Amino acid sequence: MSLIPSFFGAGRRTNVFDPFSLDLWADLPGLKKEEVKVEIEEGNVLQISGERSREKEDKNDTWHRVERSSGRFLRRFRLPENAKVDHVKASMENGVLTVTVPKEDVKKPDVKPIQITG
């Protein structure tokens, strides 16, 4: 599973990522949307997880071959305090998962100009 953006913090070692952008993409080739879970955990943590299990069978008159593969993945992202966690949306198309987290507008402080005399 590859994720964009791929910036994983300034030297911190953790499995929780503090993203600059609130649009995340995950490349999940071969997975169906039913095999992927997107959840918001306590503490504004977005969790993306899933499991794949594949079986490929080839046979003819002289041989029979079965290949099986499986695996799990889990990624966590700490969302900023102004994230609207009730409005998170996820979509999956052609093996690409897109998660969009809207942010609340941050009120900019009022600036009062001071006239300089002298």
PDB file of N, CA and C in Angstrom:
ATOM      1  N   MET A   1       0.853  -1.172   0.000  1.00  0.00           N
ATOM      2  CA  MET A   1       0.000   0.000   0.000  1.00  0.00           C
ATOM      3  C   MET A   1       0.889   1.221   0.000  1.00  0.00           C
ATOM      4  N   SER A   2       0.726   2.079  -0.983  1.00  0.00           N
ATOM      5  CA  SER A   2       1.484   3.318  -0.974  1.00  0.00           C
ATOM      6  C   SER A   2       0.544   4.469  -0.686  1.00  0.00           C
ATOM      7  N   LEU A   3       1.032   5.430   0.079  1.00  0.00           N
ATOM      8  CA  LEU A   3       0.220   6.575   0.471  1.00  0.00           C
ATOM      9  C   LEU A   3       0.856   7.852  -0.020  1.00  0.00           C
ATOM     10  N   ILE A   4       0.031   8.788  -0.421  1.00  0.00           N
ATOM     11  CA  ILE A   4       0.478  10.109  -0.824  1.00  0.00           C
ATOM     12  C   ILE A   4      -0.308  11.095   0.018  1.00  0.00           C
ATOM     13  N   PRO A   5       0.213  12.064   0.698  1.00  0.00           N
ATOM     14  CA  PRO A   5       1.616  12.429   0.758  1.00  0.00           C
ATOM     15  C   PRO A   5       2.436  11.436   1.579  1.00  0.00           C
ATOM     16  N   SER A   6       3.734  11.373   1.310  1.00  0.00           N
ATOM     17  CA  SER A   6       4.570  10.384   1.982  1.00  0.00           C
ATOM     18  C   SER A   6       5.489  11.000   3.028  1.00  0.00           C
ATOM     19  N   PHE A   7       5.208  12.214   3.484  1.00  0.00           N
ATOM     20  CA  PHE A   7       5.991  12.855   4.533  1.00  0.00           C
ATOM     21  C   PHE A   7       5.567  12.273   5.870  1.00  0.00           C
ATOM     22  N   PHE A   8       6.479  11.687   6.616  1.00  0.00           N
ATOM     23  CA  PHE A   8       6.127  11.006   7.853  1.00  0.00           C
ATOM     24  C   PHE A   8       6.712  11.695   9.082  1.00  0.00           C
ATOM     25  N   GLY A   9       6.577  12.999   9.174  1.00  0.00           N
ATOM     26  CA  GLY A   9       6.957  13.708  10.394  1.00  0.00           C
ATOM     27  C   GLY A   9       8.415  14.104  10.424  1.00  0.00           C
ATOM     28  N   ALA A  10       8.728  14.995  11.304  1.00  0.00           N
ATOM     29  CA  ALA A  10      10.086  15.532  11.401  1.00  0.00           C
ATOM     30  C   ALA A  10      10.898  14.730  12.402  1.00  0.00           C
ATOM     31  N   GLY A  11      11.311  13.532  12.020  1.00  0.00           N
ATOM     32  CA  GLY A  11      12.181  12.739  12.859  1.00  0.00           C
ATOM     33  C   GLY A  11      11.482  11.961  13.950  1.00  0.00           C
ATOM     34  N   ARG A  12      10.170  12.077  14.079  1.00  0.00           N
ATOM     35  CA  ARG A  12       9.461  11.334  15.114  1.00  0.00           C
ATOM     36  C   ARG A  12       9.222   9.906  14.653  1.00  0.00           C
ATOM     37  N   ARG A  13       9.349   8.968  15.560  1.00  0.00           N
ATOM     38  CA  ARG A  13       9.072   7.569  15.238  1.00  0.00           C
ATOM     39  C   ARG A  13       7.745   7.203  15.875  1.00  0.00           C
ATOM     40  N   THR A  14       6.721   7.086  15.026  1.00  0.00           N
ATOM     41  CA  THR A  14       5.382   6.761  15.497  1.00  0.00           C
ATOM     42  C   THR A  14       4.606   6.166  14.340  1.00  0.00           C
ATOM     43  N   ASN A  15       3.544   5.445  14.635  1.00  0.00           N
ATOM     44  CA  ASN A  15       2.715   4.914  13.562  1.00  0.00           C
ATOM     45  C   ASN A  15       1.544   5.845  13.273  1.00  0.00           C
ATOM     46  N   VAL A  16       1.571   7.049  13.847  1.00  0.00           N
ATOM     47  CA  VAL A  16       0.554   8.056  13.589  1.00  0.00           C
ATOM     48  C   VAL A  16       1.208   9.195  12.835  1.00  0.00           C
ATOM     49  N   PHE A  17       0.597   9.623  11.736  1.00  0.00           N
ATOM     50  CA  PHE A  17       1.151  10.617  10.823  1.00  0.00           C
ATOM     51  C   PHE A  17       0.360  11.907  10.941  1.00  0.00           C
ATOM     52  N   ASP A  18       1.026  13.040  11.062  1.00  0.00           N
ATOM     53  CA  ASP A  18       0.374  14.349  11.109  1.00  0.00           C
ATOM     54  C   ASP A  18       0.478  14.981   9.725  1.00  0.00           C
ATOM     55  N   PRO A  19      -0.550  14.862   8.886  1.00  0.00           N
ATOM     56  CA  PRO A  19      -0.428  15.355   7.512  1.00  0.00           C
ATOM     57  C   PRO A  19      -0.611  16.869   7.417  1.00  0.00           C
ATOM     58  N   PHE A  20       0.034  17.472   6.410  1.00  0.00           N
ATOM     59  CA  PHE A  20      -0.185  18.876   6.111  1.00  0.00           C
ATOM     60  C   PHE A  20      -1.506  19.035   5.374  1.00  0.00           C
ATOM     61  N   SER A  21      -1.758  18.150   4.442  1.00  0.00           N
ATOM     62  CA  SER A  21      -2.961  18.192   3.631  1.00  0.00           C
ATOM     63  C   SER A  21      -3.987  17.236   4.209  1.00  0.00           C
ATOM     64  N   LEU A  22      -5.249  17.536   3.985  1.00  0.00           N
ATOM     65  CA  LEU A  22      -6.281  16.640   4.480  1.00  0.00           C
ATOM     66  C   LEU A  22      -6.893  15.819   3.370  1.00  0.00           C
ATOM     67  N   ASP A  23      -6.238  15.748   2.231  1.00  0.00           N
ATOM     68  CA  ASP A  23      -6.633  14.832   1.170  1.00  0.00           C
ATOM     69  C   ASP A  23      -5.577  13.745   1.115  1.00  0.00           C
ATOM     70  N   LEU A  24      -5.977  12.503   1.321  1.00  0.00           N
ATOM     71  CA  LEU A  24      -5.050  11.377   1.315  1.00  0.00           C
ATOM     72  C   LEU A  24      -5.437  10.410   0.211  1.00  0.00           C
ATOM     73  N   TRP A  25      -4.432   9.849  -0.453  1.00  0.00           N
ATOM     74  CA  TRP A  25      -4.670   8.842  -1.468  1.00  0.00           C
ATOM     75  C   TRP A  25      -3.879   7.602  -1.087  1.00  0.00           C
ATOM     76  N   ALA A  26      -4.474   6.447  -1.298  1.00  0.00           N
ATOM     77  CA  ALA A  26      -3.780   5.184  -1.047  1.00  0.00           C
ATOM     78  C   ALA A  26      -3.921   4.315  -2.285  1.00  0.00           C
ATOM     79  N   ASP A  27      -2.818   3.830  -2.785  1.00  0.00           N
ATOM     80  CA  ASP A  27      -2.808   2.949  -3.943  1.00  0.00           C
ATOM     81  C   ASP A  27      -2.971   1.519  -3.446  1.00  0.00           C
ATOM     82  N   LEU A  28      -4.102   0.895  -3.746  1.00  0.00           N
ATOM     83  CA  LEU A  28      -4.420  -0.441  -3.252  1.00  0.00           C
ATOM     84  C   LEU A  28      -4.777  -1.352  -4.420  1.00  0.00           C
ATOM     85  N   PRO A  29      -3.808  -1.681  -5.278  1.00  0.00           N
ATOM     86  CA  PRO A  29      -4.133  -2.467  -6.475  1.00  0.00           C
ATOM     87  C   PRO A  29      -4.699  -3.832  -6.119  1.00  0.00           C
ATOM     88  N   GLY A  30      -5.755  -4.197  -6.828  1.00  0.00           N
ATOM     89  CA  GLY A  30      -6.345  -5.515  -6.653  1.00  0.00           C
ATOM     90  C   GLY A  30      -7.331  -5.632  -5.509  1.00  0.00           C
ATOM     91  N   LEU A  31      -7.465  -4.599  -4.687  1.00  0.00           N
ATOM     92  CA  LEU A  31      -8.404  -4.665  -3.569  1.00  0.00           C
ATOM     93  C   LEU A  31      -9.750  -4.074  -3.969  1.00  0.00           C
ATOM     94  N   LYS A  32     -10.796  -4.640  -3.392  1.00  0.00           N
ATOM     95  CA  LYS A  32     -12.142  -4.113  -3.580  1.00  0.00           C
ATOM     96  C   LYS A  32     -12.471  -3.241  -2.384  1.00  0.00           C
ATOM     97  N   LYS A  33     -13.435  -2.336  -2.569  1.00  0.00           N
ATOM     98  CA  LYS A  33     -13.771  -1.436  -1.463  1.00  0.00           C
ATOM     99  C   LYS A  33     -14.297  -2.196  -0.256  1.00  0.00           C
ATOM    100  N   GLU A  34     -14.856  -3.380  -0.459  1.00  0.00           N
ATOM    101  CA  GLU A  34     -15.347  -4.190   0.656  1.00  0.00           C
ATOM    102  C   GLU A  34     -14.202  -4.748   1.504  1.00  0.00           C
ATOM    103  N   GLU A  35     -12.981  -4.743   0.987  1.00  0.00           N
ATOM    104  CA  GLU A  35     -11.822  -5.283   1.693  1.00  0.00           C
ATOM    105  C   GLU A  35     -11.042  -4.205   2.455  1.00  0.00           C
ATOM    106  N   VAL A  36     -11.525  -2.952   2.411  1.00  0.00           N
ATOM    107  CA  VAL A  36     -10.830  -1.827   3.031  1.00  0.00           C
ATOM    108  C   VAL A  36     -11.770  -1.173   4.047  1.00  0.00           C
ATOM    109  N   LYS A  37     -11.219  -0.798   5.210  1.00  0.00           N
ATOM    110  CA  LYS A  37     -11.996  -0.084   6.223  1.00  0.00           C
ATOM    111  C   LYS A  37     -11.348   1.266   6.487  1.00  0.00           C
ATOM    112  N   VAL A  38     -12.189   2.306   6.560  1.00  0.00           N
ATOM    113  CA  VAL A  38     -11.744   3.645   6.929  1.00  0.00           C
ATOM    114  C   VAL A  38     -12.539   4.018   8.169  1.00  0.00           C
ATOM    115  N   GLU A  39     -11.820   4.342   9.264  1.00  0.00           N
ATOM    116  CA  GLU A  39     -12.475   4.619  10.543  1.00  0.00           C
ATOM    117  C   GLU A  39     -11.820   5.827  11.207  1.00  0.00           C
ATOM    118  N   ILE A  40     -12.604   6.514  12.044  1.00  0.00           N
ATOM    119  CA  ILE A  40     -12.073   7.584  12.883  1.00  0.00           C
ATOM    120  C   ILE A  40     -12.041   7.051  14.306  1.00  0.00           C
ATOM    121  N   GLU A  41     -10.849   7.016  14.902  1.00  0.00           N
ATOM    122  CA  GLU A  41     -10.700   6.555  16.277  1.00  0.00           C
ATOM    123  C   GLU A  41     -10.718   7.748  17.229  1.00  0.00           C
ATOM    124  N   GLU A  42     -10.811   7.452  18.507  1.00  0.00           N
ATOM    125  CA  GLU A  42     -10.770   8.487  19.534  1.00  0.00           C
ATOM    126  C   GLU A  42      -9.464   9.265  19.418  1.00  0.00           C
ATOM    127  N   GLY A  43      -9.551  10.568  19.616  1.00  0.00           N
ATOM    128  CA  GLY A  43      -8.361  11.403  19.528  1.00  0.00           C
ATOM    129  C   GLY A  43      -8.093  11.899  18.118  1.00  0.00           C
ATOM    130  N   ASN A  44      -9.122  11.926  17.257  1.00  0.00           N
ATOM    131  CA  ASN A  44      -8.995  12.399  15.872  1.00  0.00           C
ATOM    132  C   ASN A  44      -7.932  11.635  15.084  1.00  0.00           C
ATOM    133  N   VAL A  45      -7.967  10.322  15.166  1.00  0.00           N
ATOM    134  CA  VAL A  45      -7.034   9.489  14.415  1.00  0.00           C
ATOM    135  C   VAL A  45      -7.811   8.768  13.325  1.00  0.00           C
ATOM    136  N   LEU A  46      -7.401   8.998  12.077  1.00  0.00           N
ATOM    137  CA  LEU A  46      -7.987   8.316  10.925  1.00  0.00           C
ATOM    138  C   LEU A  46      -7.238   7.015  10.731  1.00  0.00           C
ATOM    139  N   GLN A  47      -7.957   5.910  10.649  1.00  0.00           N
ATOM    140  CA  GLN A  47      -7.323   4.598  10.479  1.00  0.00           C
ATOM    141  C   GLN A  47      -7.810   3.969   9.176  1.00  0.00           C
ATOM    142  N   ILE A  48      -6.853   3.544   8.360  1.00  0.00           N
ATOM    143  CA  ILE A  48      -7.139   2.836   7.117  1.00  0.00           C
ATOM    144  C   ILE A  48      -6.565   1.443   7.267  1.00  0.00           C
ATOM    145  N   SER A  49      -7.407   0.418   7.102  1.00  0.00           N
ATOM    146  CA  SER A  49      -6.934  -0.949   7.266  1.00  0.00           C
ATOM    147  C   SER A  49      -7.619  -1.846   6.241  1.00  0.00           C
ATOM    148  N   GLY A  50      -7.068  -3.022   6.087  1.00  0.00           N
ATOM    149  CA  GLY A  50      -7.664  -3.970   5.159  1.00  0.00           C
ATOM    150  C   GLY A  50      -6.927  -5.283   5.166  1.00  0.00           C
ATOM    151  N   GLU A  51      -7.506  -6.214   4.429  1.00  0.00           N
ATOM    152  CA  GLU A  51      -6.920  -7.546   4.322  1.00  0.00           C
ATOM    153  C   GLU A  51      -7.230  -8.084   2.940  1.00  0.00           C
ATOM    154  N   ARG A  52      -6.237  -8.713   2.363  1.00  0.00           N
ATOM    155  CA  ARG A  52      -6.468  -9.333   1.065  1.00  0.00           C
ATOM    156  C   ARG A  52      -6.133 -10.814   1.152  1.00  0.00           C
ATOM    157  N   SER A  53      -6.882 -11.572   0.427  1.00  0.00           N
ATOM    158  CA  SER A  53      -6.647 -13.006   0.350  1.00  0.00           C
ATOM    159  C   SER A  53      -6.937 -13.420  -1.085  1.00  0.00           C
ATOM    160  N   ARG A  54      -5.946 -13.952  -1.759  1.00  0.00           N
ATOM    161  CA  ARG A  54      -6.072 -14.319  -3.165  1.00  0.00           C
ATOM    162  C   ARG A  54      -5.692 -15.782  -3.362  1.00  0.00           C
ATOM    163  N   GLU A  55      -6.367 -16.389  -4.298  1.00  0.00           N
ATOM    164  CA  GLU A  55      -6.026 -17.764  -4.675  1.00  0.00           C
ATOM    165  C   GLU A  55      -6.080 -17.846  -6.191  1.00  0.00           C
ATOM    166  N   LYS A  56      -5.006 -18.394  -6.768  1.00  0.00           N
ATOM    167  CA  LYS A  56      -4.923 -18.566  -8.215  1.00  0.00           C
ATOM    168  C   LYS A  56      -4.709 -20.041  -8.494  1.00  0.00           C
ATOM    169  N   GLU A  57      -5.518 -20.571  -9.379  1.00  0.00           N
ATOM    170  CA  GLU A  57      -5.448 -22.002  -9.672  1.00  0.00           C
ATOM    171  C   GLU A  57      -5.215 -22.206 -11.154  1.00  0.00           C
ATOM    172  N   ASP A  58      -4.219 -23.037 -11.487  1.00  0.00           N
ATOM    173  CA  ASP A  58      -3.919 -23.437 -12.864  1.00  0.00           C
ATOM    174  C   ASP A  58      -3.878 -24.953 -12.911  1.00  0.00           C
ATOM    175  N   LYS A  59      -4.471 -25.518 -13.929  1.00  0.00           N
ATOM    176  CA  LYS A  59      -4.381 -26.982 -14.075  1.00  0.00           C
ATOM    177  C   LYS A  59      -4.600 -27.355 -15.532  1.00  0.00           C
ATOM    178  N   ASN A  60      -4.040 -28.512 -15.865  1.00  0.00           N
ATOM    179  CA  ASN A  60      -4.292 -29.125 -17.169  1.00  0.00           C
ATOM    180  C   ASN A  60      -4.309 -30.634 -16.967  1.00  0.00           C
ATOM    181  N   ASP A  61      -4.097 -31.401 -18.006  1.00  0.00           N
ATOM    182  CA  ASP A  61      -4.179 -32.858 -17.889  1.00  0.00           C
ATOM    183  C   ASP A  61      -3.057 -33.474 -17.062  1.00  0.00           C
ATOM    184  N   THR A  62      -1.895 -32.794 -16.965  1.00  0.00           N
ATOM    185  CA  THR A  62      -0.757 -33.401 -16.279  1.00  0.00           C
ATOM    186  C   THR A  62      -0.401 -32.759 -14.939  1.00  0.00           C
ATOM    187  N   TRP A  63      -0.889 -31.569 -14.642  1.00  0.00           N
ATOM    188  CA  TRP A  63      -0.531 -30.941 -13.379  1.00  0.00           C
ATOM    189  C   TRP A  63      -1.649 -30.029 -12.878  1.00  0.00           C
ATOM    190  N   HIS A  64      -1.525 -29.708 -11.599  1.00  0.00           N
ATOM    191  CA  HIS A  64      -2.495 -28.845 -10.929  1.00  0.00           C
ATOM    192  C   HIS A  64      -1.722 -27.966  -9.946  1.00  0.00           C
ATOM    193  N   ARG A  65      -1.839 -26.645 -10.095  1.00  0.00           N
ATOM    194  CA  ARG A  65      -1.096 -25.731  -9.244  1.00  0.00           C
ATOM    195  C   ARG A  65      -2.071 -24.727  -8.612  1.00  0.00           C
ATOM    196  N   VAL A  66      -1.892 -24.484  -7.300  1.00  0.00           N
ATOM    197  CA  VAL A  66      -2.692 -23.501  -6.574  1.00  0.00           C
ATOM    198  C   VAL A  66      -1.732 -22.570  -5.828  1.00  0.00           C
ATOM    199  N   GLU A  67      -1.864 -21.260  -6.050  1.00  0.00           N
ATOM    200  CA  GLU A  67      -1.063 -20.269  -5.344  1.00  0.00           C
ATOM    201  C   GLU A  67      -1.986 -19.462  -4.443  1.00  0.00           C
ATOM    202  N   ARG A  68      -1.581 -19.276  -3.194  1.00  0.00           N
ATOM    203  CA  ARG A  68      -2.367 -18.497  -2.244  1.00  0.00           C
ATOM    204  C   ARG A  68      -1.488 -17.389  -1.666  1.00  0.00           C
ATOM    205  N   SER A  69      -2.085 -16.224  -1.515  1.00  0.00           N
ATOM    206  CA  SER A  69      -1.382 -15.122  -0.852  1.00  0.00           C
ATOM    207  C   SER A  69      -2.392 -14.359  -0.020  1.00  0.00           C
ATOM    208  N   SER A  70      -1.896 -13.822   1.090  1.00  0.00           N
ATOM    209  CA  SER A  70      -2.762 -13.026   1.955  1.00  0.00           C
ATOM    210  C   SER A  70      -1.906 -12.031   2.725  1.00  0.00           C
ATOM    211  N   GLY A  71      -2.545 -11.005   3.220  1.00  0.00           N
ATOM    212  CA  GLY A  71      -1.818 -10.010   4.001  1.00  0.00           C
ATOM    213  C   GLY A  71      -2.761  -8.960   4.542  1.00  0.00           C
ATOM    214  N   ARG A  72      -2.318  -8.306   5.610  1.00  0.00           N
ATOM    215  CA  ARG A  72      -3.077  -7.234   6.243  1.00  0.00           C
ATOM    216  C   ARG A  72      -2.248  -5.962   6.213  1.00  0.00           C
ATOM    217  N   PHE A  73      -2.934  -4.824   6.261  1.00  0.00           N
ATOM    218  CA  PHE A  73      -2.245  -3.546   6.372  1.00  0.00           C
ATOM    219  C   PHE A  73      -3.039  -2.633   7.292  1.00  0.00           C
ATOM    220  N   LEU A  74      -2.337  -1.671   7.882  1.00  0.00           N
ATOM    221  CA  LEU A  74      -2.943  -0.720   8.807  1.00  0.00           C
ATOM    222  C   LEU A  74      -2.107   0.555   8.800  1.00  0.00           C
ATOM    223  N   ARG A  75      -2.745   1.688   8.589  1.00  0.00           N
ATOM    224  CA  ARG A  75      -2.079   2.991   8.656  1.00  0.00           C
ATOM    225  C   ARG A  75      -2.951   3.918   9.486  1.00  0.00           C
ATOM    226  N   ARG A  76      -2.301   4.768  10.289  1.00  0.00           N
ATOM    227  CA  ARG A  76      -3.021   5.737  11.120  1.00  0.00           C
ATOM    228  C   ARG A  76      -2.497   7.132  10.831  1.00  0.00           C
ATOM    229  N   PHE A  77      -3.415   8.106  10.847  1.00  0.00           N
ATOM    230  CA  PHE A  77      -3.093   9.500  10.586  1.00  0.00           C
ATOM    231  C   PHE A  77      -3.772  10.359  11.637  1.00  0.00           C
ATOM    232  N   ARG A  78      -2.995  11.174  12.364  1.00  0.00           N
ATOM    233  CA  ARG A  78      -3.589  12.086  13.334  1.00  0.00           C
ATOM    234  C   ARG A  78      -4.136  13.277  12.571  1.00  0.00           C
ATOM    235  N   LEU A  79      -5.421  13.577  12.776  1.00  0.00           N
ATOM    236  CA  LEU A  79      -6.067  14.689  12.111  1.00  0.00           C
ATOM    237  C   LEU A  79      -5.916  15.945  12.966  1.00  0.00           C
ATOM    238  N   PRO A  80      -5.862  17.110  12.340  1.00  0.00           N
ATOM    239  CA  PRO A  80      -5.738  18.348  13.109  1.00  0.00           C
ATOM    240  C   PRO A  80      -7.018  18.621  13.905  1.00  0.00           C
ATOM    241  N   GLU A  81      -6.907  19.495  14.881  1.00  0.00           N
ATOM    242  CA  GLU A  81      -8.048  19.796  15.751  1.00  0.00           C
ATOM    243  C   GLU A  81      -9.217  20.407  15.002  1.00  0.00           C
ATOM    244  N   ASN A  82      -8.952  21.109  13.890  1.00  0.00           N
ATOM    245  CA  ASN A  82     -10.041  21.739  13.150  1.00  0.00           C
ATOM    246  C   ASN A  82     -10.641  20.833  12.072  1.00  0.00           C
ATOM    247  N   ALA A  83     -10.352  19.546  12.107  1.00  0.00           N
ATOM    248  CA  ALA A  83     -10.928  18.599  11.149  1.00  0.00           C
ATOM    249  C   ALA A  83     -12.384  18.332  11.497  1.00  0.00           C
ATOM    250  N   LYS A  84     -13.238  18.313  10.484  1.00  0.00           N
ATOM    251  CA  LYS A  84     -14.654  17.991  10.672  1.00  0.00           C
ATOM    252  C   LYS A  84     -14.811  16.478  10.518  1.00  0.00           C
ATOM    253  N   VAL A  85     -14.609  15.754  11.607  1.00  0.00           N
ATOM    254  CA  VAL A  85     -14.600  14.290  11.530  1.00  0.00           C
ATOM    255  C   VAL A  85     -15.964  13.707  11.178  1.00  0.00           C
ATOM    256  N   ASP A  86     -17.030  14.459  11.390  1.00  0.00           N
ATOM    257  CA  ASP A  86     -18.367  13.976  11.022  1.00  0.00           C
ATOM    258  C   ASP A  86     -18.633  14.091   9.525  1.00  0.00           C
ATOM    259  N   HIS A  87     -17.734  14.753   8.798  1.00  0.00           N
ATOM    260  CA  HIS A  87     -17.927  14.967   7.365  1.00  0.00           C
ATOM    261  C   HIS A  87     -16.846  14.295   6.514  1.00  0.00           C
ATOM    262  N   VAL A  88     -16.141  13.335   7.063  1.00  0.00           N
ATOM    263  CA  VAL A  88     -15.101  12.625   6.323  1.00  0.00           C
ATOM    264  C   VAL A  88     -15.753  11.797   5.222  1.00  0.00           C
ATOM    265  N   LYS A  89     -15.153  11.827   4.038  1.00  0.00           N
ATOM    266  CA  LYS A  89     -15.672  11.046   2.902  1.00  0.00           C
ATOM    267  C   LYS A  89     -14.548  10.199   2.340  1.00  0.00           C
ATOM    268  N   ALA A  90     -14.906   8.997   1.902  1.00  0.00           N
ATOM    269  CA  ALA A  90     -13.932   8.092   1.285  1.00  0.00           C
ATOM    270  C   ALA A  90     -14.548   7.523   0.015  1.00  0.00           C
ATOM    271  N   SER A  91     -13.715   7.383  -1.009  1.00  0.00           N
ATOM    272  CA  SER A  91     -14.163   6.760  -2.249  1.00  0.00           C
ATOM    273  C   SER A  91     -13.021   5.913  -2.795  1.00  0.00           C
ATOM    274  N   MET A  92     -13.382   4.918  -3.585  1.00  0.00           N
ATOM    275  CA  MET A  92     -12.364   4.033  -4.157  1.00  0.00           C
ATOM    276  C   MET A  92     -12.705   3.798  -5.622  1.00  0.00           C
ATOM    277  N   GLU A  93     -11.709   4.058  -6.479  1.00  0.00           N
ATOM    278  CA  GLU A  93     -11.898   3.876  -7.910  1.00  0.00           C
ATOM    279  C   GLU A  93     -10.606   3.351  -8.526  1.00  0.00           C
ATOM    280  N   ASN A  94     -10.705   2.261  -9.260  1.00  0.00           N
ATOM    281  CA  ASN A  94      -9.551   1.661  -9.942  1.00  0.00           C
ATOM    282  C   ASN A  94      -8.392   1.388  -8.987  1.00  0.00           C
ATOM    283  N   GLY A  95      -8.687   0.908  -7.777  1.00  0.00           N
ATOM    284  CA  GLY A  95      -7.652   0.558  -6.818  1.00  0.00           C
ATOM    285  C   GLY A  95      -7.035   1.728  -6.079  1.00  0.00           C
ATOM    286  N   VAL A  96      -7.614   2.931  -6.217  1.00  0.00           N
ATOM    287  CA  VAL A  96      -7.094   4.101  -5.518  1.00  0.00           C
ATOM    288  C   VAL A  96      -8.148   4.576  -4.521  1.00  0.00           C
ATOM    289  N   LEU A  97      -7.783   4.565  -3.246  1.00  0.00           N
ATOM    290  CA  LEU A  97      -8.649   5.041  -2.176  1.00  0.00           C
ATOM    291  C   LEU A  97      -8.354   6.521  -1.953  1.00  0.00           C
ATOM    292  N   THR A  98      -9.400   7.360  -1.965  1.00  0.00           N
ATOM    293  CA  THR A  98      -9.264   8.782  -1.698  1.00  0.00           C
ATOM    294  C   THR A  98     -10.088   9.109  -0.462  1.00  0.00           C
ATOM    295  N   VAL A  99      -9.444   9.704   0.544  1.00  0.00           N
ATOM    296  CA  VAL A  99     -10.123  10.107   1.776  1.00  0.00           C
ATOM    297  C   VAL A  99     -10.009  11.619   1.872  1.00  0.00           C
ATOM    298  N   THR A 100     -11.156  12.286   2.029  1.00  0.00           N
ATOM    299  CA  THR A 100     -11.192  13.741   2.140  1.00  0.00           C
ATOM    300  C   THR A 100     -11.753  14.117   3.500  1.00  0.00           C
ATOM    301  N   VAL A 101     -11.005  14.948   4.214  1.00  0.00           N
ATOM    302  CA  VAL A 101     -11.405  15.414   5.540  1.00  0.00           C
ATOM    303  C   VAL A 101     -11.532  16.930   5.469  1.00  0.00           C
ATOM    304  N   PRO A 102     -12.768  17.464   5.505  1.00  0.00           N
ATOM    305  CA  PRO A 102     -12.894  18.923   5.480  1.00  0.00           C
ATOM    306  C   PRO A 102     -12.441  19.548   6.801  1.00  0.00           C
ATOM    307  N   LYS A 103     -11.994  20.795   6.715  1.00  0.00           N
ATOM    308  CA  LYS A 103     -11.547  21.513   7.904  1.00  0.00           C
ATOM    309  C   LYS A 103     -12.504  22.656   8.193  1.00  0.00           C
ATOM    310  N   GLU A 104     -12.655  22.973   9.478  1.00  0.00           N
ATOM    311  CA  GLU A 104     -13.415  24.147   9.878  1.00  0.00           C
ATOM    312  C   GLU A 104     -12.597  25.378   9.533  1.00  0.00           C
ATOM    313  N   ASP A 105     -13.292  26.434   9.167  1.00  0.00           N
ATOM    314  CA  ASP A 105     -12.595  27.686   8.891  1.00  0.00           C
ATOM    315  C   ASP A 105     -12.014  28.231  10.189  1.00  0.00           C
ATOM    316  N   VAL A 106     -10.770  28.593  10.116  1.00  0.00           N
ATOM    317  CA  VAL A 106     -10.109  29.182  11.288  1.00  0.00           C
ATOM    318  C   VAL A 106     -10.255  30.687  11.170  1.00  0.00           C
ATOM    319  N   LYS A 107     -10.838  31.291  12.198  1.00  0.00           N
ATOM    320  CA  LYS A 107     -11.036  32.732  12.184  1.00  0.00           C
ATOM    321  C   LYS A 107      -9.680  33.418  12.326  1.00  0.00           C
ATOM    322  N   LYS A 108      -9.425  34.296  11.381  1.00  0.00           N
ATOM    323  CA  LYS A 108      -8.177  35.051  11.434  1.00  0.00           C
ATOM    324  C   LYS A 108      -8.336  36.172  12.455  1.00  0.00           C
ATOM    325  N   PRO A 109      -7.274  36.453  13.200  1.00  0.00           N
ATOM    326  CA  PRO A 109      -7.380  37.511  14.205  1.00  0.00           C
ATOM    327  C   PRO A 109      -7.563  38.879  13.539  1.00  0.00           C
ATOM    328  N   ASP A 110      -8.364  39.711  14.176  1.00  0.00           N
ATOM    329  CA  ASP A 110      -8.547  41.068  13.676  1.00  0.00           C
ATOM    330  C   ASP A 110      -7.240  41.832  13.852  1.00  0.00           C
ATOM    331  N   VAL A 111      -6.881  42.563  12.818  1.00  0.00           N
ATOM    332  CA  VAL A 111      -5.657  43.356  12.858  1.00  0.00           C
ATOM    333  C   VAL A 111      -6.053  44.824  12.848  1.00  0.00           C
ATOM    334  N   LYS A 112      -5.607  45.554  13.845  1.00  0.00           N
ATOM    335  CA  LYS A 112      -5.908  46.972  13.944  1.00  0.00           C
ATOM    336  C   LYS A 112      -4.625  47.742  13.643  1.00  0.00           C
ATOM    337  N   PRO A 113      -4.645  48.499  12.549  1.00  0.00           N
ATOM    338  CA  PRO A 113      -3.430  49.263  12.232  1.00  0.00           C
ATOM    339  C   PRO A 113      -3.221  50.412  13.220  1.00  0.00           C
ATOM    340  N   ILE A 114      -1.999  50.656  13.549  1.00  0.00           N
ATOM    341  CA  ILE A 114      -1.611  51.737  14.464  1.00  0.00           C
ATOM    342  C   ILE A 114      -0.870  52.786  13.625  1.00  0.00           C
ATOM    343  N   GLN A 115      -1.333  54.002  13.720  1.00  0.00           N
ATOM    344  CA  GLN A 115      -0.686  55.070  12.969  1.00  0.00           C
ATOM    345  C   GLN A 115       0.609  55.470  13.666  1.00  0.00           C
ATOM    346  N   ILE A 116       1.633  55.625  12.880  1.00  0.00           N
ATOM    347  CA  ILE A 116       2.936  56.011  13.412  1.00  0.00           C
ATOM    348  C   ILE A 116       3.064  57.538  13.306  1.00  0.00           C
ATOM    349  N   THR A 117       3.374  58.175  14.416  1.00  0.00           N
ATOM    350  CA  THR A 117       3.518  59.638  14.420  1.00  0.00           C
ATOM    351  C   THR A 117       4.979  60.003  14.587  1.00  0.00           C
ATOM    352  N   GLY A 118       5.276  61.287  14.295  1.00  0.00           N
ATOM    353  CA  GLY A 118       6.614  61.775  14.566  1.00  0.00           C
ATOM    354  C   GLY A 118       7.403  62.159  13.375  1.00  0.00           C
TER     355      GLY A 118
END
